[in-house]
Amino acid sequence: MSITLEINLRVPDISIRSPQEPPRRITNSDSRFWKVIDLSELPKVGDTLELSSRTWAFQATVKRLDWHDDKNRFVVVCHYPKRSMTPEEYDSLRTDPDWTMRPLLSGN
């Protein structure tokens, strides 16, 4: 039996360097990547999940697991374990139709 989970992935900031332009930084602290997946069992905090975009596979560390009644499923909060990711890896997530980038809600 599989369990449908929603992944909430935090990724590091991205530095983009190009010889034709000054360096620029993409800040990801105020947004997350989301994806719905099916797993054979519920992960535990500290577990490593194998995730992927259509062109790139990577690992993420489970930081938290929350049940959401309105979604009728668990949301698994994960962090990308490395301190950096390449612009190509970032674009792979950003342009993948299975992943959705959402801003964090601001506290008004």
PDB file of N, CA and C in Angstrom:
ATOM      1  N   MET A   1       0.850  -1.187   0.000  1.00  0.00           N
ATOM      2  CA  MET A   1       0.000   0.000   0.000  1.00  0.00           C
ATOM      3  C   MET A   1       0.890   1.243   0.000  1.00  0.00           C
ATOM      4  N   SER A   2       0.542   2.215  -0.797  1.00  0.00           N
ATOM      5  CA  SER A   2       1.343   3.438  -0.832  1.00  0.00           C
ATOM      6  C   SER A   2       0.623   4.563  -0.096  1.00  0.00           C
ATOM      7  N   ILE A   3       1.419   5.506   0.365  1.00  0.00           N
ATOM      8  CA  ILE A   3       0.929   6.667   1.094  1.00  0.00           C
ATOM      9  C   ILE A   3       1.227   7.903   0.256  1.00  0.00           C
ATOM     10  N   THR A   4       0.209   8.721   0.020  1.00  0.00           N
ATOM     11  CA  THR A   4       0.402   9.965  -0.724  1.00  0.00           C
ATOM     12  C   THR A   4       0.819  11.053   0.248  1.00  0.00           C
ATOM     13  N   LEU A   5       1.950  11.680  -0.047  1.00  0.00           N
ATOM     14  CA  LEU A   5       2.521  12.735   0.789  1.00  0.00           C
ATOM     15  C   LEU A   5       2.734  13.986  -0.041  1.00  0.00           C
ATOM     16  N   GLU A   6       2.745  15.110   0.635  1.00  0.00           N
ATOM     17  CA  GLU A   6       3.096  16.366  -0.025  1.00  0.00           C
ATOM     18  C   GLU A   6       4.462  16.794   0.497  1.00  0.00           C
ATOM     19  N   ILE A   7       5.398  17.001  -0.410  1.00  0.00           N
ATOM     20  CA  ILE A   7       6.750  17.416  -0.050  1.00  0.00           C
ATOM     21  C   ILE A   7       6.822  18.935  -0.056  1.00  0.00           C
ATOM     22  N   ASN A   8       7.381  19.497   1.006  1.00  0.00           N
ATOM     23  CA  ASN A   8       7.638  20.929   1.137  1.00  0.00           C
ATOM     24  C   ASN A   8       9.166  21.041   1.254  1.00  0.00           C
ATOM     25  N   LEU A   9       9.813  21.470   0.183  1.00  0.00           N
ATOM     26  CA  LEU A   9      11.277  21.443   0.087  1.00  0.00           C
ATOM     27  C   LEU A   9      11.883  22.831   0.185  1.00  0.00           C
ATOM     28  N   ARG A  10      12.801  22.971   1.116  1.00  0.00           N
ATOM     29  CA  ARG A  10      13.578  24.213   1.236  1.00  0.00           C
ATOM     30  C   ARG A  10      14.908  24.006   0.519  1.00  0.00           C
ATOM     31  N   VAL A  11      15.242  24.954  -0.340  1.00  0.00           N
ATOM     32  CA  VAL A  11      16.510  24.882  -1.068  1.00  0.00           C
ATOM     33  C   VAL A  11      17.371  26.092  -0.707  1.00  0.00           C
ATOM     34  N   PRO A  12      18.693  25.981  -0.889  1.00  0.00           N
ATOM     35  CA  PRO A  12      19.568  27.108  -0.546  1.00  0.00           C
ATOM     36  C   PRO A  12      19.444  28.251  -1.553  1.00  0.00           C
ATOM     37  N   ASP A  13      19.991  29.402  -1.170  1.00  0.00           N
ATOM     38  CA  ASP A  13      20.086  30.520  -2.095  1.00  0.00           C
ATOM     39  C   ASP A  13      21.030  30.140  -3.232  1.00  0.00           C
ATOM     40  N   ILE A  14      20.839  30.763  -4.374  1.00  0.00           N
ATOM     41  CA  ILE A  14      21.621  30.441  -5.562  1.00  0.00           C
ATOM     42  C   ILE A  14      22.423  31.666  -5.985  1.00  0.00           C
ATOM     43  N   SER A  15      23.713  31.470  -6.248  1.00  0.00           N
ATOM     44  CA  SER A  15      24.557  32.539  -6.799  1.00  0.00           C
ATOM     45  C   SER A  15      24.769  32.256  -8.275  1.00  0.00           C
ATOM     46  N   ILE A  16      24.497  33.265  -9.083  1.00  0.00           N
ATOM     47  CA  ILE A  16      24.654  33.117 -10.530  1.00  0.00           C
ATOM     48  C   ILE A  16      25.759  34.055 -10.983  1.00  0.00           C
ATOM     49  N   ARG A  17      26.756  33.432 -11.578  1.00  0.00           N
ATOM     50  CA  ARG A  17      27.892  34.205 -12.085  1.00  0.00           C
ATOM     51  C   ARG A  17      27.978  34.016 -13.587  1.00  0.00           C
ATOM     52  N   SER A  18      28.184  35.111 -14.257  1.00  0.00           N
ATOM     53  CA  SER A  18      28.309  35.082 -15.704  1.00  0.00           C
ATOM     54  C   SER A  18      29.368  36.095 -16.113  1.00  0.00           C
ATOM     55  N   PRO A  19      30.202  35.762 -17.090  1.00  0.00           N
ATOM     56  CA  PRO A  19      31.227  36.721 -17.511  1.00  0.00           C
ATOM     57  C   PRO A  19      30.633  38.005 -18.110  1.00  0.00           C
ATOM     58  N   GLN A  20      29.400  37.908 -18.629  1.00  0.00           N
ATOM     59  CA  GLN A  20      28.780  39.069 -19.279  1.00  0.00           C
ATOM     60  C   GLN A  20      28.037  39.995 -18.312  1.00  0.00           C
ATOM     61  N   GLU A  21      27.732  39.538 -17.093  1.00  0.00           N
ATOM     62  CA  GLU A  21      26.962  40.358 -16.155  1.00  0.00           C
ATOM     63  C   GLU A  21      27.533  40.255 -14.743  1.00  0.00           C
ATOM     64  N   PRO A  22      27.184  41.196 -13.904  1.00  0.00           N
ATOM     65  CA  PRO A  22      27.638  41.099 -12.502  1.00  0.00           C
ATOM     66  C   PRO A  22      26.959  39.908 -11.810  1.00  0.00           C
ATOM     67  N   PRO A  23      27.608  39.359 -10.782  1.00  0.00           N
ATOM     68  CA  PRO A  23      26.992  38.242 -10.056  1.00  0.00           C
ATOM     69  C   PRO A  23      25.657  38.658  -9.433  1.00  0.00           C
ATOM     70  N   ARG A  24      24.729  37.724  -9.398  1.00  0.00           N
ATOM     71  CA  ARG A  24      23.444  37.998  -8.737  1.00  0.00           C
ATOM     72  C   ARG A  24      23.067  36.807  -7.881  1.00  0.00           C
ATOM     73  N   ARG A  25      22.197  37.062  -6.913  1.00  0.00           N
ATOM     74  CA  ARG A  25      21.814  36.027  -5.946  1.00  0.00           C
ATOM     75  C   ARG A  25      20.303  35.854  -5.969  1.00  0.00           C
ATOM     76  N   ILE A  26      19.859  34.599  -6.006  1.00  0.00           N
ATOM     77  CA  ILE A  26      18.444  34.272  -5.888  1.00  0.00           C
ATOM     78  C   ILE A  26      18.221  33.796  -4.453  1.00  0.00           C
ATOM     79  N   THR A  27      17.409  34.540  -3.729  1.00  0.00           N
ATOM     80  CA  THR A  27      17.136  34.220  -2.327  1.00  0.00           C
ATOM     81  C   THR A  27      15.903  33.333  -2.240  1.00  0.00           C
ATOM     82  N   ASN A  28      16.061  32.177  -1.612  1.00  0.00           N
ATOM     83  CA  ASN A  28      14.963  31.215  -1.507  1.00  0.00           C
ATOM     84  C   ASN A  28      14.413  31.080  -0.091  1.00  0.00           C
ATOM     85  N   SER A  29      14.814  31.956   0.812  1.00  0.00           N
ATOM     86  CA  SER A  29      14.357  31.844   2.200  1.00  0.00           C
ATOM     87  C   SER A  29      12.864  32.121   2.350  1.00  0.00           C
ATOM     88  N   ASP A  30      12.260  32.793   1.388  1.00  0.00           N
ATOM     89  CA  ASP A  30      10.838  33.131   1.498  1.00  0.00           C
ATOM     90  C   ASP A  30       9.954  32.309   0.565  1.00  0.00           C
ATOM     91  N   SER A  31      10.484  31.182   0.046  1.00  0.00           N
ATOM     92  CA  SER A  31       9.670  30.329  -0.815  1.00  0.00           C
ATOM     93  C   SER A  31      10.070  28.863  -0.624  1.00  0.00           C
ATOM     94  N   ARG A  32       9.184  27.978  -1.051  1.00  0.00           N
ATOM     95  CA  ARG A  32       9.421  26.541  -0.967  1.00  0.00           C
ATOM     96  C   ARG A  32       8.955  25.885  -2.261  1.00  0.00           C
ATOM     97  N   PHE A  33       9.520  24.724  -2.537  1.00  0.00           N
ATOM     98  CA  PHE A  33       9.090  23.911  -3.664  1.00  0.00           C
ATOM     99  C   PHE A  33       8.191  22.804  -3.131  1.00  0.00           C
ATOM    100  N   TRP A  34       7.096  22.536  -3.842  1.00  0.00           N
ATOM    101  CA  TRP A  34       6.106  21.551  -3.415  1.00  0.00           C
ATOM    102  C   TRP A  34       5.904  20.503  -4.494  1.00  0.00           C
ATOM    103  N   LYS A  35       5.673  19.259  -4.036  1.00  0.00           N
ATOM    104  CA  LYS A  35       5.400  18.163  -4.960  1.00  0.00           C
ATOM    105  C   LYS A  35       4.634  17.080  -4.207  1.00  0.00           C
ATOM    106  N   VAL A  36       3.700  16.426  -4.866  1.00  0.00           N
ATOM    107  CA  VAL A  36       2.967  15.305  -4.288  1.00  0.00           C
ATOM    108  C   VAL A  36       3.631  14.025  -4.780  1.00  0.00           C
ATOM    109  N   ILE A  37       3.932  13.122  -3.819  1.00  0.00           N
ATOM    110  CA  ILE A  37       4.556  11.852  -4.172  1.00  0.00           C
ATOM    111  C   ILE A  37       3.870  10.716  -3.420  1.00  0.00           C
ATOM    112  N   ASP A  38       4.111   9.503  -3.868  1.00  0.00           N
ATOM    113  CA  ASP A  38       3.638   8.311  -3.175  1.00  0.00           C
ATOM    114  C   ASP A  38       4.846   7.536  -2.677  1.00  0.00           C
ATOM    115  N   LEU A  39       4.792   7.116  -1.417  1.00  0.00           N
ATOM    116  CA  LEU A  39       5.847   6.296  -0.823  1.00  0.00           C
ATOM    117  C   LEU A  39       5.223   5.039  -0.225  1.00  0.00           C
ATOM    118  N   SER A  40       6.049   4.028  -0.047  1.00  0.00           N
ATOM    119  CA  SER A  40       5.548   2.778   0.529  1.00  0.00           C
ATOM    120  C   SER A  40       5.364   2.880   2.039  1.00  0.00           C
ATOM    121  N   GLU A  41       6.096   3.787   2.682  1.00  0.00           N
ATOM    122  CA  GLU A  41       5.948   3.978   4.128  1.00  0.00           C
ATOM    123  C   GLU A  41       6.197   5.429   4.495  1.00  0.00           C
ATOM    124  N   LEU A  42       5.686   5.815   5.644  1.00  0.00           N
ATOM    125  CA  LEU A  42       5.836   7.175   6.143  1.00  0.00           C
ATOM    126  C   LEU A  42       7.273   7.399   6.603  1.00  0.00           C
ATOM    127  N   PRO A  43       7.943   8.447   6.111  1.00  0.00           N
ATOM    128  CA  PRO A  43       9.318   8.693   6.565  1.00  0.00           C
ATOM    129  C   PRO A  43       9.334   9.240   7.987  1.00  0.00           C
ATOM    130  N   LYS A  44      10.490   9.154   8.617  1.00  0.00           N
ATOM    131  CA  LYS A  44      10.683   9.687   9.966  1.00  0.00           C
ATOM    132  C   LYS A  44      11.595  10.906   9.894  1.00  0.00           C
ATOM    133  N   VAL A  45      11.517  11.757  10.896  1.00  0.00           N
ATOM    134  CA  VAL A  45      12.414  12.916  10.982  1.00  0.00           C
ATOM    135  C   VAL A  45      13.850  12.401  10.976  1.00  0.00           C
ATOM    136  N   GLY A  46      14.685  13.008  10.137  1.00  0.00           N
ATOM    137  CA  GLY A  46      16.075  12.597  10.006  1.00  0.00           C
ATOM    138  C   GLY A  46      16.319  11.664   8.839  1.00  0.00           C
ATOM    139  N   ASP A  47      15.254  11.047   8.301  1.00  0.00           N
ATOM    140  CA  ASP A  47      15.409  10.169   7.143  1.00  0.00           C
ATOM    141  C   ASP A  47      15.825  10.973   5.914  1.00  0.00           C
ATOM    142  N   THR A  48      16.430  10.290   4.975  1.00  0.00           N
ATOM    143  CA  THR A  48      16.791  10.887   3.694  1.00  0.00           C
ATOM    144  C   THR A  48      15.822  10.367   2.640  1.00  0.00           C
ATOM    145  N   LEU A  49      15.231  11.276   1.886  1.00  0.00           N
ATOM    146  CA  LEU A  49      14.329  10.907   0.800  1.00  0.00           C
ATOM    147  C   LEU A  49      15.040  11.089  -0.532  1.00  0.00           C
ATOM    148  N   GLU A  50      14.798  10.176  -1.435  1.00  0.00           N
ATOM    149  CA  GLU A  50      15.279  10.298  -2.808  1.00  0.00           C
ATOM    150  C   GLU A  50      14.198  11.038  -3.589  1.00  0.00           C
ATOM    151  N   LEU A  51      14.512  12.234  -4.053  1.00  0.00           N
ATOM    152  CA  LEU A  51      13.578  13.048  -4.820  1.00  0.00           C
ATOM    153  C   LEU A  51      14.173  13.309  -6.189  1.00  0.00           C
ATOM    154  N   SER A  52      13.355  13.840  -7.082  1.00  0.00           N
ATOM    155  CA  SER A  52      13.886  14.135  -8.413  1.00  0.00           C
ATOM    156  C   SER A  52      13.002  15.135  -9.139  1.00  0.00           C
ATOM    157  N   SER A  53      13.627  15.784 -10.091  1.00  0.00           N
ATOM    158  CA  SER A  53      12.897  16.522 -11.108  1.00  0.00           C
ATOM    159  C   SER A  53      12.939  15.597 -12.327  1.00  0.00           C
ATOM    160  N   ARG A  54      12.495  16.051 -13.442  1.00  0.00           N
ATOM    161  CA  ARG A  54      12.522  15.184 -14.626  1.00  0.00           C
ATOM    162  C   ARG A  54      13.925  14.983 -15.180  1.00  0.00           C
ATOM    163  N   THR A  55      14.866  15.860 -14.786  1.00  0.00           N
ATOM    164  CA  THR A  55      16.223  15.757 -15.340  1.00  0.00           C
ATOM    165  C   THR A  55      17.311  15.574 -14.294  1.00  0.00           C
ATOM    166  N   TRP A  56      16.935  15.502 -13.009  1.00  0.00           N
ATOM    167  CA  TRP A  56      17.951  15.518 -11.962  1.00  0.00           C
ATOM    168  C   TRP A  56      17.421  14.827 -10.713  1.00  0.00           C
ATOM    169  N   ALA A  57      18.210  13.919 -10.141  1.00  0.00           N
ATOM    170  CA  ALA A  57      17.843  13.232  -8.897  1.00  0.00           C
ATOM    171  C   ALA A  57      18.698  13.772  -7.757  1.00  0.00           C
ATOM    172  N   PHE A  58      18.111  13.870  -6.568  1.00  0.00           N
ATOM    173  CA  PHE A  58      18.832  14.403  -5.413  1.00  0.00           C
ATOM    174  C   PHE A  58      18.220  13.838  -4.140  1.00  0.00           C
ATOM    175  N   GLN A  59      18.875  14.091  -3.029  1.00  0.00           N
ATOM    176  CA  GLN A  59      18.387  13.666  -1.729  1.00  0.00           C
ATOM    177  C   GLN A  59      17.962  14.885  -0.923  1.00  0.00           C
ATOM    178  N   ALA A  60      17.026  14.650  -0.011  1.00  0.00           N
ATOM    179  CA  ALA A  60      16.585  15.695   0.910  1.00  0.00           C
ATOM    180  C   ALA A  60      16.395  15.068   2.282  1.00  0.00           C
ATOM    181  N   THR A  61      16.617  15.862   3.315  1.00  0.00           N
ATOM    182  CA  THR A  61      16.502  15.391   4.691  1.00  0.00           C
ATOM    183  C   THR A  61      15.150  15.793   5.270  1.00  0.00           C
ATOM    184  N   VAL A  62      14.443  14.837   5.865  1.00  0.00           N
ATOM    185  CA  VAL A  62      13.144  15.098   6.486  1.00  0.00           C
ATOM    186  C   VAL A  62      13.371  15.851   7.790  1.00  0.00           C
ATOM    187  N   LYS A  63      12.758  17.024   7.909  1.00  0.00           N
ATOM    188  CA  LYS A  63      12.878  17.853   9.112  1.00  0.00           C
ATOM    189  C   LYS A  63      11.623  17.813   9.982  1.00  0.00           C
ATOM    190  N   ARG A  64      10.478  17.616   9.343  1.00  0.00           N
ATOM    191  CA  ARG A  64       9.219  17.631  10.089  1.00  0.00           C
ATOM    192  C   ARG A  64       8.156  16.896   9.279  1.00  0.00           C
ATOM    193  N   LEU A  65       7.171  16.364   9.980  1.00  0.00           N
ATOM    194  CA  LEU A  65       6.065  15.655   9.354  1.00  0.00           C
ATOM    195  C   LEU A  65       4.787  16.133  10.019  1.00  0.00           C
ATOM    196  N   ASP A  66       3.873  16.711   9.250  1.00  0.00           N
ATOM    197  CA  ASP A  66       2.640  17.270   9.811  1.00  0.00           C
ATOM    198  C   ASP A  66       1.429  16.713   9.072  1.00  0.00           C
ATOM    199  N   TRP A  67       0.389  16.365   9.814  1.00  0.00           N
ATOM    200  CA  TRP A  67      -0.874  15.950   9.210  1.00  0.00           C
ATOM    201  C   TRP A  67      -1.708  17.199   8.941  1.00  0.00           C
ATOM    202  N   HIS A  68      -2.284  17.294   7.752  1.00  0.00           N
ATOM    203  CA  HIS A  68      -3.154  18.422   7.383  1.00  0.00           C
ATOM    204  C   HIS A  68      -4.544  17.869   7.087  1.00  0.00           C
ATOM    205  N   ASP A  69      -5.498  18.173   7.957  1.00  0.00           N
ATOM    206  CA  ASP A  69      -6.868  17.691   7.773  1.00  0.00           C
ATOM    207  C   ASP A  69      -7.466  18.179   6.462  1.00  0.00           C
ATOM    208  N   ASP A  70      -7.218  19.447   6.130  1.00  0.00           N
ATOM    209  CA  ASP A  70      -7.816  20.004   4.916  1.00  0.00           C
ATOM    210  C   ASP A  70      -7.295  19.330   3.640  1.00  0.00           C
ATOM    211  N   LYS A  71      -6.086  18.801   3.676  1.00  0.00           N
ATOM    212  CA  LYS A  71      -5.511  18.112   2.522  1.00  0.00           C
ATOM    213  C   LYS A  71      -5.690  16.598   2.613  1.00  0.00           C
ATOM    214  N   ASN A  72      -6.032  16.130   3.810  1.00  0.00           N
ATOM    215  CA  ASN A  72      -6.187  14.709   4.085  1.00  0.00           C
ATOM    216  C   ASN A  72      -4.912  13.923   3.759  1.00  0.00           C
ATOM    217  N   ARG A  73      -3.777  14.509   4.129  1.00  0.00           N
ATOM    218  CA  ARG A  73      -2.491  13.843   3.920  1.00  0.00           C
ATOM    219  C   ARG A  73      -1.415  14.495   4.781  1.00  0.00           C
ATOM    220  N   PHE A  74      -0.278  13.812   4.858  1.00  0.00           N
ATOM    221  CA  PHE A  74       0.877  14.346   5.562  1.00  0.00           C
ATOM    222  C   PHE A  74       1.648  15.295   4.653  1.00  0.00           C
ATOM    223  N   VAL A  75       2.167  16.353   5.254  1.00  0.00           N
ATOM    224  CA  VAL A  75       3.107  17.244   4.574  1.00  0.00           C
ATOM    225  C   VAL A  75       4.469  16.980   5.204  1.00  0.00           C
ATOM    226  N   VAL A  76       5.434  16.643   4.346  1.00  0.00           N
ATOM    227  CA  VAL A  76       6.780  16.318   4.794  1.00  0.00           C
ATOM    228  C   VAL A  76       7.676  17.521   4.499  1.00  0.00           C
ATOM    229  N   VAL A  77       8.148  18.174   5.543  1.00  0.00           N
ATOM    230  CA  VAL A  77       9.026  19.326   5.392  1.00  0.00           C
ATOM    231  C   VAL A  77      10.455  18.797   5.252  1.00  0.00           C
ATOM    232  N   CYS A  78      11.099  19.139   4.134  1.00  0.00           N
ATOM    233  CA  CYS A  78      12.447  18.646   3.839  1.00  0.00           C
ATOM    234  C   CYS A  78      13.386  19.804   3.551  1.00  0.00           C
ATOM    235  N   HIS A  79      14.668  19.556   3.765  1.00  0.00           N
ATOM    236  CA  HIS A  79      15.716  20.511   3.409  1.00  0.00           C
ATOM    237  C   HIS A  79      16.654  19.850   2.421  1.00  0.00           C
ATOM    238  N   TYR A  80      17.066  20.616   1.446  1.00  0.00           N
ATOM    239  CA  TYR A  80      18.126  20.174   0.556  1.00  0.00           C
ATOM    240  C   TYR A  80      19.389  20.132   1.409  1.00  0.00           C
ATOM    241  N   PRO A  81      20.112  18.994   1.456  1.00  0.00           N
ATOM    242  CA  PRO A  81      21.175  18.846   2.458  1.00  0.00           C
ATOM    243  C   PRO A  81      22.475  19.598   2.170  1.00  0.00           C
ATOM    244  N   LYS A  82      22.700  19.984   0.928  1.00  0.00           N
ATOM    245  CA  LYS A  82      23.952  20.682   0.615  1.00  0.00           C
ATOM    246  C   LYS A  82      23.787  22.180   0.827  1.00  0.00           C
ATOM    247  N   ARG A  83      24.910  22.861   1.030  1.00  0.00           N
ATOM    248  CA  ARG A  83      24.881  24.312   1.263  1.00  0.00           C
ATOM    249  C   ARG A  83      24.646  25.113  -0.009  1.00  0.00           C
ATOM    250  N   SER A  84      24.806  24.469  -1.152  1.00  0.00           N
ATOM    251  CA  SER A  84      24.599  25.180  -2.414  1.00  0.00           C
ATOM    252  C   SER A  84      24.047  24.224  -3.453  1.00  0.00           C
ATOM    253  N   MET A  85      23.497  24.793  -4.496  1.00  0.00           N
ATOM    254  CA  MET A  85      23.060  24.027  -5.650  1.00  0.00           C
ATOM    255  C   MET A  85      23.393  24.850  -6.882  1.00  0.00           C
ATOM    256  N   THR A  86      23.622  24.167  -7.968  1.00  0.00           N
ATOM    257  CA  THR A  86      24.005  24.875  -9.184  1.00  0.00           C
ATOM    258  C   THR A  86      22.783  25.561  -9.797  1.00  0.00           C
ATOM    259  N   PRO A  87      23.007  26.579 -10.599  1.00  0.00           N
ATOM    260  CA  PRO A  87      21.872  27.202 -11.287  1.00  0.00           C
ATOM    261  C   PRO A  87      21.115  26.199 -12.172  1.00  0.00           C
ATOM    262  N   GLU A  88      21.817  25.224 -12.738  1.00  0.00           N
ATOM    263  CA  GLU A  88      21.161  24.219 -13.578  1.00  0.00           C
ATOM    264  C   GLU A  88      20.234  23.327 -12.740  1.00  0.00           C
ATOM    265  N   GLU A  89      20.687  22.951 -11.546  1.00  0.00           N
ATOM    266  CA  GLU A  89      19.853  22.145 -10.646  1.00  0.00           C
ATOM    267  C   GLU A  89      18.620  22.940 -10.211  1.00  0.00           C
ATOM    268  N   TYR A  90      18.831  24.200  -9.887  1.00  0.00           N
ATOM    269  CA  TYR A  90      17.731  25.070  -9.476  1.00  0.00           C
ATOM    270  C   TYR A  90      16.711  25.218 -10.615  1.00  0.00           C
ATOM    271  N   ASP A  91      17.203  25.468 -11.820  1.00  0.00           N
ATOM    272  CA  ASP A  91      16.302  25.591 -12.978  1.00  0.00           C
ATOM    273  C   ASP A  91      15.557  24.294 -13.250  1.00  0.00           C
ATOM    274  N   SER A  92      16.207  23.178 -12.981  1.00  0.00           N
ATOM    275  CA  SER A  92      15.560  21.882 -13.154  1.00  0.00           C
ATOM    276  C   SER A  92      14.328  21.764 -12.258  1.00  0.00           C
ATOM    277  N   LEU A  93      14.429  22.233 -11.019  1.00  0.00           N
ATOM    278  CA  LEU A  93      13.274  22.238 -10.109  1.00  0.00           C
ATOM    279  C   LEU A  93      12.243  23.282 -10.524  1.00  0.00           C
ATOM    280  N   ARG A  94      12.726  24.465 -10.805  1.00  0.00           N
ATOM    281  CA  ARG A  94      11.838  25.599 -11.098  1.00  0.00           C
ATOM    282  C   ARG A  94      10.988  25.365 -12.352  1.00  0.00           C
ATOM    283  N   THR A  95      11.540  24.692 -13.343  1.00  0.00           N
ATOM    284  CA  THR A  95      10.818  24.493 -14.603  1.00  0.00           C
ATOM    285  C   THR A  95      10.099  23.152 -14.694  1.00  0.00           C
ATOM    286  N   ASP A  96      10.295  22.291 -13.712  1.00  0.00           N
ATOM    287  CA  ASP A  96       9.653  20.982 -13.729  1.00  0.00           C
ATOM    288  C   ASP A  96       8.161  21.131 -13.442  1.00  0.00           C
ATOM    289  N   PRO A  97       7.288  20.594 -14.292  1.00  0.00           N
ATOM    290  CA  PRO A  97       5.843  20.744 -14.052  1.00  0.00           C
ATOM    291  C   PRO A  97       5.333  19.985 -12.827  1.00  0.00           C
ATOM    292  N   ASP A  98       6.108  19.024 -12.312  1.00  0.00           N
ATOM    293  CA  ASP A  98       5.690  18.284 -11.121  1.00  0.00           C
ATOM    294  C   ASP A  98       5.970  19.055  -9.830  1.00  0.00           C
ATOM    295  N   TRP A  99       6.862  20.020  -9.868  1.00  0.00           N
ATOM    296  CA  TRP A  99       7.202  20.840  -8.704  1.00  0.00           C
ATOM    297  C   TRP A  99       6.545  22.206  -8.858  1.00  0.00           C
ATOM    298  N   THR A 100       6.068  22.751  -7.748  1.00  0.00           N
ATOM    299  CA  THR A 100       5.470  24.087  -7.728  1.00  0.00           C
ATOM    300  C   THR A 100       6.226  24.935  -6.724  1.00  0.00           C
ATOM    301  N   MET A 101       6.635  26.122  -7.133  1.00  0.00           N
ATOM    302  CA  MET A 101       7.300  27.043  -6.230  1.00  0.00           C
ATOM    303  C   MET A 101       6.242  27.972  -5.635  1.00  0.00           C
ATOM    304  N   ARG A 102       6.177  28.021  -4.302  1.00  0.00           N
ATOM    305  CA  ARG A 102       5.184  28.858  -3.628  1.00  0.00           C
ATOM    306  C   ARG A 102       5.878  29.759  -2.608  1.00  0.00           C
ATOM    307  N   PRO A 103       5.447  31.003  -2.528  1.00  0.00           N
ATOM    308  CA  PRO A 103       5.994  31.880  -1.475  1.00  0.00           C
ATOM    309  C   PRO A 103       5.444  31.471  -0.117  1.00  0.00           C
ATOM    310  N   LEU A 104       6.242  31.722   0.918  1.00  0.00           N
ATOM    311  CA  LEU A 104       5.756  31.500   2.276  1.00  0.00           C
ATOM    312  C   LEU A 104       4.747  32.597   2.589  1.00  0.00           C
ATOM    313  N   LEU A 105       3.785  32.248   3.421  1.00  0.00           N
ATOM    314  CA  LEU A 105       2.768  33.242   3.796  1.00  0.00           C
ATOM    315  C   LEU A 105       3.390  34.285   4.700  1.00  0.00           C
ATOM    316  N   SER A 106       3.068  35.543   4.442  1.00  0.00           N
ATOM    317  CA  SER A 106       3.582  36.610   5.293  1.00  0.00           C
ATOM    318  C   SER A 106       2.619  36.818   6.458  1.00  0.00           C
ATOM    319  N   GLY A 107       3.167  37.143   7.605  1.00  0.00           N
ATOM    320  CA  GLY A 107       2.335  37.366   8.798  1.00  0.00           C
ATOM    321  C   GLY A 107       1.796  38.765   8.837  1.00  0.00           C
ATOM    322  N   ASN A 108       0.609  38.991   8.357  1.00  0.00           N
ATOM    323  CA  ASN A 108       0.003  40.328   8.340  1.00  0.00           C
ATOM    324  C   ASN A 108      -0.690  40.608   9.628  1.00  0.00           C
TER     325      ASN A 108
END
